[in-house]
Amino acid sequence: MVRNTMLATVLGVMLGATVVYAQDVVEEQMVRFEPAVQVIGLENGGLTVLKPGEKSATPGVSYKAYPYGSVFEVAAGVKCRLRFSDLTYAVVRGPAKLTPVVSDMFRKVVLDVAYGDVNFSVDKRAQAGQFTVVTPMGSFTSLQGTSRLHVGKITSEVVGEDDFSFRTLSGTAVFGGLHYKMAGMTQANAFVSGDEIKETATGKVFRDTCIEGVSGEVATEIPMGADKKIDFSLTPGAVVKITRAKQPGSNNWVVSVLTLFANGAAQNYFCYVEGRSAEYATGDLLSEVLPEEDEDGEGEGEEADDSDSSDASDGLDDFGDEEL
């Protein structure tokens, strides 16, 4: 009896240690960022920092650490690096405006990029959701490795096709925009996007988005309404056009989507009301809109050049690459 009691006690201790060890392994897999953001490589000024709770910004100082929640504004032509850890940082070129925030005991960083050119280097051990970049067009999550982002200075709620570009250099990225998602972006994947928002005097809101592939093949998931989705291959020259409208007081967008192959031939066309049942979703209407289209022509888009188009112009130059 005593022996059985001792055995049970030993097994309990061993199992408890195993649970603690498993928890430690999970915690070790989570990248931990620094408790403050350090500015590096700033020369001759050109950076202002507005700390949380303060009313006026002060000149940024190289090698100084600033609290999360600070707003960093970089003047045109000025370059510096924001360091989050030894293996995670952002090389910024002005004009730029960025705000980093942190949560979960310095294990999650969200960097809000209002505008600017930013080259990222993110620890490849970072897990999904540990380093997120928020832009006016959507959010990049699960960033790992190196990448480039260009966000133009938006005026009148309009983002031109030359004002938003992204390319992965190494590692992976996931991008989520309004009514579309790009998952598993890998090396040499790139796209550009334009966006426009208009509001009428009666309060009706219109928002149009145009996404075009630049390099590689970007797998794009697009909702069709009623919990249905389609997968579209955004190859160089291929385009996704999303048109939306929302009535005053409504939280549901009326969405219309058109996808085009690189040669301009249509692949999909459908409409739906966000958050509503299948009765408010049309399904694919392409065969009805183009009833006389030669079925053999639908595959012409597959002839688009899917070769590596890393030399294609996407608005992203190689500033700061020596630091990545």
Protein backbone atom coordinates (compact mmCIF):
# COMPACT_ATOMS: atom_id res chain seq x y z
CA MET A 1 0.00 0.00 0.00
CA VAL A 2 2.79 2.37 0.94
CA ARG A 3 4.65 1.39 -2.22
CA ASN A 4 1.61 2.13 -4.37
CA THR A 5 1.19 5.51 -2.70
CA MET A 6 4.85 6.38 -3.31
CA LEU A 7 4.60 5.26 -6.95
CA ALA A 8 1.53 7.38 -7.52
CA THR A 9 3.30 10.37 -5.97
CA VAL A 10 6.37 9.90 -8.18
CA LEU A 11 4.25 9.53 -11.31
CA GLY A 12 2.32 12.66 -10.36
CA VAL A 13 5.54 14.64 -10.00
CA MET A 14 6.84 13.33 -13.34
CA LEU A 15 3.62 14.16 -15.14
CA GLY A 16 3.57 17.60 -13.57
CA ALA A 17 7.13 18.20 -14.69
CA THR A 18 6.22 17.05 -18.19
CA VAL A 19 3.37 19.57 -18.35
CA VAL A 20 5.64 22.38 -17.14
CA TYR A 21 8.30 21.32 -19.65
CA ALA A 22 5.75 21.33 -22.48
CA GLN A 23 4.63 24.81 -21.46
CA ASP A 24 8.25 25.97 -21.40
CA VAL A 25 8.80 24.61 -24.93
CA VAL A 26 5.76 26.53 -26.21
CA GLU A 27 6.97 29.72 -24.53
CA GLU A 28 10.46 29.26 -25.94
CA GLN A 29 9.01 29.12 -29.45
CA MET A 30 7.52 32.60 -29.01
CA VAL A 31 9.90 35.36 -30.05
CA ARG A 32 10.32 38.05 -27.39
CA PHE A 33 10.81 41.64 -28.53
CA GLU A 34 12.65 44.41 -26.72
CA PRO A 35 10.72 46.48 -24.14
CA ALA A 36 11.31 49.65 -26.17
CA VAL A 37 11.95 50.67 -29.79
CA GLN A 38 15.51 51.78 -30.53
CA VAL A 39 16.40 54.23 -33.29
CA ILE A 40 19.60 53.34 -35.16
CA GLY A 41 21.52 54.89 -38.04
CA LEU A 42 19.91 58.32 -37.97
CA GLU A 43 22.16 60.97 -39.47
CA ASN A 44 21.71 64.76 -39.38
CA GLY A 45 18.25 64.72 -37.84
CA GLY A 46 15.03 64.50 -39.83
CA LEU A 47 13.12 62.37 -37.30
CA THR A 48 10.49 63.53 -34.82
CA VAL A 49 8.95 61.37 -32.10
CA LEU A 50 5.67 61.95 -30.28
CA LYS A 51 5.67 59.86 -27.11
CA PRO A 52 2.41 58.51 -25.63
CA GLY A 53 0.70 61.07 -23.43
CA GLU A 54 2.75 64.01 -24.71
CA LYS A 55 1.30 66.91 -26.69
CA SER A 56 4.31 67.87 -28.78
CA ALA A 57 6.90 65.87 -30.69
CA THR A 58 10.63 66.07 -30.04
CA PRO A 59 13.62 65.48 -32.37
CA GLY A 60 14.59 61.80 -32.57
CA VAL A 61 18.04 60.78 -31.35
CA SER A 62 20.08 57.93 -32.78
CA TYR A 63 20.59 54.93 -30.44
CA LYS A 64 17.88 56.19 -28.09
CA ALA A 65 15.06 53.82 -27.09
CA TYR A 66 11.45 55.05 -27.20
CA PRO A 67 8.31 53.54 -25.64
CA TYR A 68 5.84 51.61 -27.74
CA GLY A 69 2.94 53.79 -28.79
CA SER A 70 5.28 56.57 -29.93
CA VAL A 71 4.59 58.12 -33.34
CA PHE A 72 7.70 58.26 -35.56
CA GLU A 73 7.72 60.76 -38.45
CA VAL A 74 10.65 60.63 -40.87
CA ALA A 75 11.37 63.55 -43.21
CA ALA A 76 11.72 63.11 -46.97
CA GLY A 77 15.04 61.56 -47.98
CA VAL A 78 15.95 60.63 -44.39
CA LYS A 79 16.65 57.01 -43.51
CA CYS A 80 16.86 55.23 -40.15
CA ARG A 81 16.23 51.85 -38.58
CA LEU A 82 13.69 50.96 -35.87
CA ARG A 83 14.97 48.00 -33.86
CA PHE A 84 12.56 45.63 -32.13
CA SER A 85 15.10 42.87 -31.37
CA ASP A 86 18.45 41.61 -32.65
CA LEU A 87 16.75 39.83 -35.57
CA THR A 88 13.71 42.06 -36.10
CA TYR A 89 13.85 45.63 -37.37
CA ALA A 90 12.46 48.03 -39.99
CA VAL A 91 14.59 50.20 -42.26
CA VAL A 92 12.51 53.33 -42.93
CA ARG A 93 12.92 56.00 -45.59
CA GLY A 94 10.94 59.21 -45.43
CA PRO A 95 8.56 60.72 -45.88
CA ALA A 96 7.13 58.17 -43.47
CA LYS A 97 4.87 57.94 -40.43
CA LEU A 98 4.82 54.82 -38.23
CA THR A 99 3.41 53.83 -34.85
CA PRO A 100 4.51 50.58 -33.15
CA VAL A 101 2.53 49.07 -30.28
CA VAL A 102 3.23 45.94 -28.24
CA SER A 103 1.20 43.43 -26.22
CA ASP A 104 1.34 39.99 -24.60
CA MET A 105 4.45 40.68 -22.52
CA PHE A 106 6.45 41.99 -25.49
CA ARG A 107 5.61 38.95 -27.64
CA LYS A 108 3.34 40.71 -30.14
CA VAL A 109 4.19 43.86 -32.11
CA VAL A 110 1.78 45.74 -34.36
CA LEU A 111 3.37 48.39 -36.59
CA ASP A 112 0.93 50.90 -38.06
CA VAL A 113 2.40 52.31 -41.30
CA ALA A 114 0.39 55.37 -42.34
CA TYR A 115 2.78 56.03 -45.24
CA GLY A 116 6.40 55.52 -46.19
CA ASP A 117 8.95 53.10 -47.64
CA VAL A 118 9.85 50.29 -45.24
CA ASN A 119 12.16 47.30 -45.60
CA PHE A 120 11.41 44.63 -42.99
CA SER A 121 13.60 41.95 -41.46
CA VAL A 122 11.59 39.74 -39.09
CA ASP A 123 12.98 36.88 -37.03
CA LYS A 124 12.17 33.67 -38.95
CA ARG A 125 11.24 32.02 -35.66
CA ALA A 126 8.34 34.45 -35.20
CA GLN A 127 4.99 32.68 -35.03
CA ALA A 128 1.79 33.70 -36.76
CA GLY A 129 0.49 36.99 -35.39
CA GLN A 130 3.67 37.94 -33.53
CA PHE A 131 4.65 40.72 -35.96
CA THR A 132 1.81 42.48 -37.77
CA VAL A 133 1.97 45.47 -40.12
CA VAL A 134 -1.19 47.55 -40.48
CA THR A 135 -1.69 49.74 -43.58
CA PRO A 136 -4.59 51.72 -45.04
CA MET A 137 -5.16 48.81 -47.47
CA GLY A 138 -5.12 45.96 -44.97
CA SER A 139 -2.83 44.05 -42.60
CA PHE A 140 0.23 41.88 -43.11
CA THR A 141 0.33 39.07 -40.56
CA SER A 142 2.66 36.14 -40.01
CA LEU A 143 5.61 38.13 -41.37
CA GLN A 144 8.91 36.24 -41.43
CA GLY A 145 12.17 36.99 -43.21
CA THR A 146 12.68 40.08 -45.37
CA SER A 147 10.20 42.13 -47.37
CA ARG A 148 9.57 45.58 -48.84
CA LEU A 149 6.54 47.80 -48.44
CA HIS A 150 5.61 51.10 -50.07
CA VAL A 151 2.60 53.08 -48.87
CA GLY A 152 1.99 56.42 -50.56
CA LYS A 153 0.85 59.47 -48.65
CA ILE A 154 -2.88 59.15 -49.08
CA THR A 155 -5.01 62.20 -49.80
CA SER A 156 -8.77 62.39 -50.31
CA GLU A 157 -9.11 58.72 -49.32
CA VAL A 158 -7.62 57.63 -52.65
CA VAL A 159 -4.79 55.13 -53.03
CA GLY A 160 -3.44 55.04 -56.59
CA GLU A 161 -1.93 51.91 -58.12
CA ASP A 162 1.51 53.47 -57.65
CA ASP A 163 0.85 54.20 -53.98
CA PHE A 164 0.77 50.70 -52.53
CA SER A 165 3.25 47.90 -53.26
CA PHE A 166 4.61 44.87 -51.44
CA ARG A 167 7.23 42.24 -52.19
CA THR A 168 8.59 39.32 -50.18
CA LEU A 169 12.34 38.88 -50.57
CA SER A 170 12.65 35.85 -48.28
CA GLY A 171 10.43 34.13 -45.77
CA THR A 172 6.63 34.39 -45.89
CA ALA A 173 3.75 36.82 -45.41
CA VAL A 174 -0.05 36.75 -45.21
CA PHE A 175 -2.07 39.80 -46.28
CA GLY A 176 -5.71 40.45 -45.46
CA GLY A 177 -7.63 43.23 -47.17
CA LEU A 178 -11.32 44.11 -47.23
CA HIS A 179 -13.07 41.11 -48.87
CA TYR A 180 -9.91 39.26 -49.94
CA LYS A 181 -6.92 37.45 -48.43
CA MET A 182 -3.48 36.53 -49.75
CA ALA A 183 -1.91 33.59 -47.93
CA GLY A 184 1.51 32.01 -48.17
CA MET A 185 3.30 34.82 -50.02
CA THR A 186 6.85 33.60 -50.52
CA GLN A 187 10.06 34.73 -52.19
CA ALA A 188 9.63 37.10 -55.15
CA ASN A 189 5.85 37.43 -54.70
CA ALA A 190 4.74 40.99 -55.32
CA PHE A 191 1.56 42.95 -56.02
CA VAL A 192 0.31 46.52 -56.36
CA SER A 193 -3.09 47.84 -55.37
CA GLY A 194 -5.28 50.89 -55.71
CA ASP A 195 -8.22 51.90 -53.57
CA GLU A 196 -10.80 54.69 -53.65
CA ILE A 197 -13.51 55.67 -51.17
CA LYS A 198 -16.39 58.03 -51.90
CA GLU A 199 -19.33 59.13 -49.77
CA THR A 200 -22.42 60.86 -51.12
CA ALA A 201 -24.31 63.69 -49.47
CA THR A 202 -26.94 61.16 -48.35
CA GLY A 203 -24.32 59.04 -46.55
CA LYS A 204 -24.01 56.20 -49.05
CA VAL A 205 -20.43 54.89 -49.20
CA PHE A 206 -18.64 53.46 -52.24
CA ARG A 207 -15.26 51.74 -52.09
CA ASP A 208 -13.41 50.32 -55.09
CA THR A 209 -10.25 48.20 -54.99
CA CYS A 210 -8.01 47.09 -57.84
CA ILE A 211 -5.25 44.51 -57.21
CA GLU A 212 -2.68 43.51 -59.84
CA GLY A 213 -0.04 40.80 -59.72
CA VAL A 214 3.56 41.89 -60.36
CA SER A 215 5.80 38.92 -59.66
CA GLY A 216 5.39 35.22 -58.95
CA GLU A 217 2.02 33.69 -58.16
CA VAL A 218 0.05 35.04 -55.22
CA ALA A 219 -2.74 32.73 -54.04
CA THR A 220 -5.75 34.98 -53.38
CA GLU A 221 -8.88 33.86 -51.52
CA ILE A 222 -12.03 35.83 -52.31
CA PRO A 223 -15.39 35.43 -50.51
CA MET A 224 -18.45 34.85 -52.73
CA GLY A 225 -21.03 35.29 -49.96
CA ALA A 226 -22.94 32.69 -47.94
CA ASP A 227 -19.66 31.27 -46.57
CA LYS A 228 -18.46 30.31 -50.06
CA LYS A 229 -15.04 31.31 -51.40
CA ILE A 230 -13.00 31.05 -54.58
CA ASP A 231 -9.25 30.83 -55.09
CA PHE A 232 -7.70 33.11 -57.69
CA SER A 233 -4.11 32.93 -58.90
CA LEU A 234 -2.75 36.48 -59.02
CA THR A 235 0.01 36.07 -61.60
CA PRO A 236 1.86 39.00 -63.24
CA GLY A 237 -0.71 41.14 -65.05
CA ALA A 238 -3.73 39.35 -63.58
CA VAL A 239 -6.25 41.65 -61.90
CA VAL A 240 -8.93 41.53 -59.19
CA LYS A 241 -11.50 44.36 -59.18
CA ILE A 242 -13.76 44.69 -56.13
CA THR A 243 -16.60 47.24 -56.10
CA ARG A 244 -18.58 47.88 -52.92
CA ALA A 245 -21.50 50.01 -51.75
CA LYS A 246 -23.02 50.50 -48.30
CA GLN A 247 -26.26 52.22 -47.38
CA PRO A 248 -26.42 54.73 -44.50
CA GLY A 249 -26.87 52.93 -41.18
CA SER A 250 -25.99 49.52 -42.62
CA ASN A 251 -22.99 47.42 -41.60
CA ASN A 252 -23.19 45.17 -44.67
CA TRP A 253 -21.38 45.89 -47.91
CA VAL A 254 -22.94 45.02 -51.28
CA VAL A 255 -19.93 43.52 -53.08
CA SER A 256 -19.24 42.93 -56.77
CA VAL A 257 -16.07 41.08 -57.87
CA LEU A 258 -14.48 40.71 -61.30
CA THR A 259 -11.28 38.69 -61.86
CA LEU A 260 -9.24 38.98 -65.05
CA PHE A 261 -6.46 36.89 -66.56
CA ALA A 262 -3.25 38.68 -67.55
CA ASN A 263 -4.49 38.89 -71.16
CA GLY A 264 -7.62 40.75 -70.04
CA ALA A 265 -10.05 37.82 -70.38
CA ALA A 266 -12.56 37.55 -67.55
CA GLN A 267 -12.41 34.51 -65.26
CA ASN A 268 -15.00 35.24 -62.55
CA TYR A 269 -17.83 37.68 -61.94
CA PHE A 270 -20.17 37.54 -58.95
CA CYS A 271 -22.04 39.68 -56.42
CA TYR A 272 -23.20 39.21 -52.84
CA VAL A 273 -24.32 41.04 -49.71
CA GLU A 274 -21.89 40.72 -46.84
CA GLY A 275 -23.24 38.89 -43.79
CA ARG A 276 -26.37 37.63 -45.55
CA SER A 277 -27.61 34.18 -46.62
CA ALA A 278 -27.26 32.44 -50.00
CA GLU A 279 -30.36 34.29 -51.23
CA TYR A 280 -28.21 37.42 -51.38
CA ALA A 281 -25.36 35.75 -53.35
CA THR A 282 -25.48 35.32 -57.13
CA GLY A 283 -22.77 32.70 -57.59
CA ASP A 284 -20.54 33.02 -60.66
CA LEU A 285 -22.35 34.98 -63.38
CA LEU A 286 -19.66 34.93 -66.05
CA SER A 287 -21.45 32.42 -68.29
CA GLU A 288 -24.59 34.58 -68.17
CA VAL A 289 -22.78 37.85 -68.78
CA LEU A 290 -20.74 36.41 -71.66
CA PRO A 291 -22.97 33.63 -73.03
CA GLU A 292 -21.35 33.55 -76.45
CA GLU A 293 -17.78 33.45 -75.24
CA ASP A 294 -15.80 30.58 -76.67
CA GLU A 295 -15.23 28.07 -73.88
CA ASP A 296 -11.75 27.42 -75.22
CA GLY A 297 -10.96 31.08 -74.66
CA GLU A 298 -11.43 30.80 -70.93
CA GLY A 299 -8.07 29.14 -70.59
CA GLU A 300 -6.16 31.73 -72.53
CA GLY A 301 -5.12 33.41 -69.32
CA GLU A 302 -3.05 30.36 -68.47
CA GLU A 303 -0.65 31.41 -71.20
CA ALA A 304 0.38 34.43 -69.17
CA ASP A 305 4.04 34.51 -68.34
CA ASP A 306 4.40 33.03 -64.87
CA SER A 307 8.18 33.22 -64.95
CA ASP A 308 10.08 35.12 -62.29
CA SER A 309 9.32 38.78 -62.91
CA SER A 310 11.49 40.15 -60.16
CA ASP A 311 12.72 42.86 -62.52
CA ALA A 312 9.20 44.16 -63.08
CA SER A 313 8.54 47.65 -61.80
CA ASP A 314 6.54 47.55 -58.57
CA GLY A 315 7.51 50.88 -57.04
CA LEU A 316 9.96 49.24 -54.64
CA ASP A 317 13.65 50.05 -54.92
CA ASP A 318 16.52 48.48 -53.05
CA PHE A 319 17.24 51.13 -50.43
CA GLY A 320 18.66 49.68 -47.25
CA ASP A 321 19.12 46.18 -48.66
CA GLU A 322 22.62 46.04 -47.26
CA GLU A 323 21.03 46.20 -43.81
CA LEU A 324 18.63 43.31 -44.33
